[in-house]
Amino acid sequence: MVTIQITKQMITEEICGHLCGIAESAPSSYELDDMFIIIKNWNDGRPLRASWRIILQGFHCYGTDRIPSFISNDWNRAVKMYKKLKGL
């Protein structure tokens, strides 16, 4: 049996990498309060949404050692996001 340990840095990199991809593919700038769907089937078929402000925070933290507060404030939710994004 192989055990895989998921670290906080792995969770942060996956979530921020996803947000970075959204920010880089955006055709133009948005208002900080504009909302975007991050995960389509998050909770009972409802999407998980994030503001442009959160997307930019993730963009700026990607590839660094920083963990944004929207992740560190709720690690259980972050783990759930990680699993959804990885298809686990």
Protein backbone atom coordinates (compact mmCIF):
# COMPACT_ATOMS: atom_id res chain seq x y z
CA MET A 1 0.00 0.00 0.00
CA VAL A 2 1.31 3.42 -0.94
CA THR A 3 0.38 6.47 1.10
CA ILE A 4 0.42 9.88 -0.53
CA GLN A 5 0.73 12.87 1.74
CA ILE A 6 -0.98 15.99 0.47
CA THR A 7 0.76 19.09 1.82
CA LYS A 8 -0.61 22.57 2.31
CA GLN A 9 1.79 23.78 -0.37
CA MET A 10 0.42 21.22 -2.85
CA ILE A 11 -3.11 22.40 -2.12
CA THR A 12 -2.10 26.04 -2.52
CA GLU A 13 -0.25 25.38 -5.80
CA GLU A 14 -3.22 23.53 -7.31
CA ILE A 15 -5.80 26.15 -6.37
CA CYS A 16 -3.62 29.16 -7.22
CA GLY A 17 -2.51 27.49 -10.46
CA HIS A 18 -6.14 27.09 -11.47
CA LEU A 19 -6.86 30.74 -10.63
CA CYS A 20 -3.72 31.80 -12.48
CA GLY A 21 -4.96 29.99 -15.59
CA ILE A 22 -8.27 31.84 -15.38
CA ALA A 23 -6.50 35.20 -14.97
CA GLU A 24 -4.10 34.56 -17.85
CA SER A 25 -6.89 33.50 -20.22
CA ALA A 26 -9.12 36.48 -19.41
CA PRO A 27 -9.59 38.60 -22.53
CA SER A 28 -9.77 41.90 -20.65
CA SER A 29 -9.75 43.37 -17.18
CA TYR A 30 -12.73 43.12 -14.90
CA GLU A 31 -14.06 44.88 -11.84
CA LEU A 32 -12.73 43.41 -8.60
CA ASP A 33 -16.23 42.29 -7.55
CA ASP A 34 -17.08 40.51 -10.84
CA MET A 35 -17.79 36.83 -10.16
CA PHE A 36 -16.53 33.77 -12.03
CA ILE A 37 -17.30 30.07 -11.78
CA ILE A 38 -14.29 28.20 -10.44
CA ILE A 39 -15.79 24.71 -10.05
CA LYS A 40 -19.04 23.92 -11.87
CA ASN A 41 -20.29 21.10 -9.65
CA TRP A 42 -19.24 22.21 -6.20
CA ASN A 43 -22.11 21.56 -3.83
CA ASP A 44 -25.28 19.72 -4.86
CA GLY A 45 -24.76 20.79 -8.46
CA ARG A 46 -24.23 24.45 -7.59
CA PRO A 47 -21.02 26.14 -8.73
CA LEU A 48 -18.23 27.56 -6.59
CA ARG A 49 -17.74 31.18 -7.54
CA ALA A 50 -14.90 33.58 -6.86
CA SER A 51 -14.49 37.30 -7.40
CA TRP A 52 -11.92 38.75 -9.73
CA ARG A 53 -10.14 40.00 -6.57
CA ILE A 54 -9.71 36.40 -5.34
CA ILE A 55 -8.58 35.24 -8.77
CA LEU A 56 -5.90 37.94 -8.80
CA GLN A 57 -4.76 36.98 -5.29
CA GLY A 58 -4.33 33.40 -6.47
CA PHE A 59 -2.54 34.61 -9.60
CA HIS A 60 -0.04 36.61 -7.55
CA CYS A 61 0.59 33.76 -5.08
CA TYR A 62 1.10 31.06 -7.71
CA GLY A 63 4.70 29.86 -7.80
CA THR A 64 5.56 31.50 -4.48
CA ASP A 65 5.63 30.27 -0.89
CA ARG A 66 2.74 32.54 0.06
CA ILE A 67 -0.59 31.03 1.01
CA PRO A 68 -3.49 33.44 0.46
CA SER A 69 -5.93 33.97 3.30
CA PHE A 70 -8.88 32.61 1.30
CA ILE A 71 -7.10 29.23 1.45
CA SER A 72 -5.53 29.35 4.93
CA ASN A 73 -8.74 30.53 6.63
CA ASP A 74 -10.53 27.24 5.81
CA TRP A 75 -8.25 24.29 5.11
CA ASN A 76 -11.16 21.84 4.98
CA ARG A 77 -12.71 23.79 2.11
CA ALA A 78 -9.29 24.09 0.45
CA VAL A 79 -8.81 20.31 0.61
CA LYS A 80 -12.26 19.83 -0.93
CA MET A 81 -11.34 22.29 -3.72
CA TYR A 82 -8.05 20.46 -4.28
CA LYS A 83 -9.82 17.12 -4.60
CA LYS A 84 -12.40 18.54 -7.05
CA LEU A 85 -9.73 20.18 -9.19
CA LYS A 86 -7.63 16.99 -9.23
CA GLY A 87 -10.68 14.79 -9.86
CA LEU A 88 -10.20 12.80 -6.64
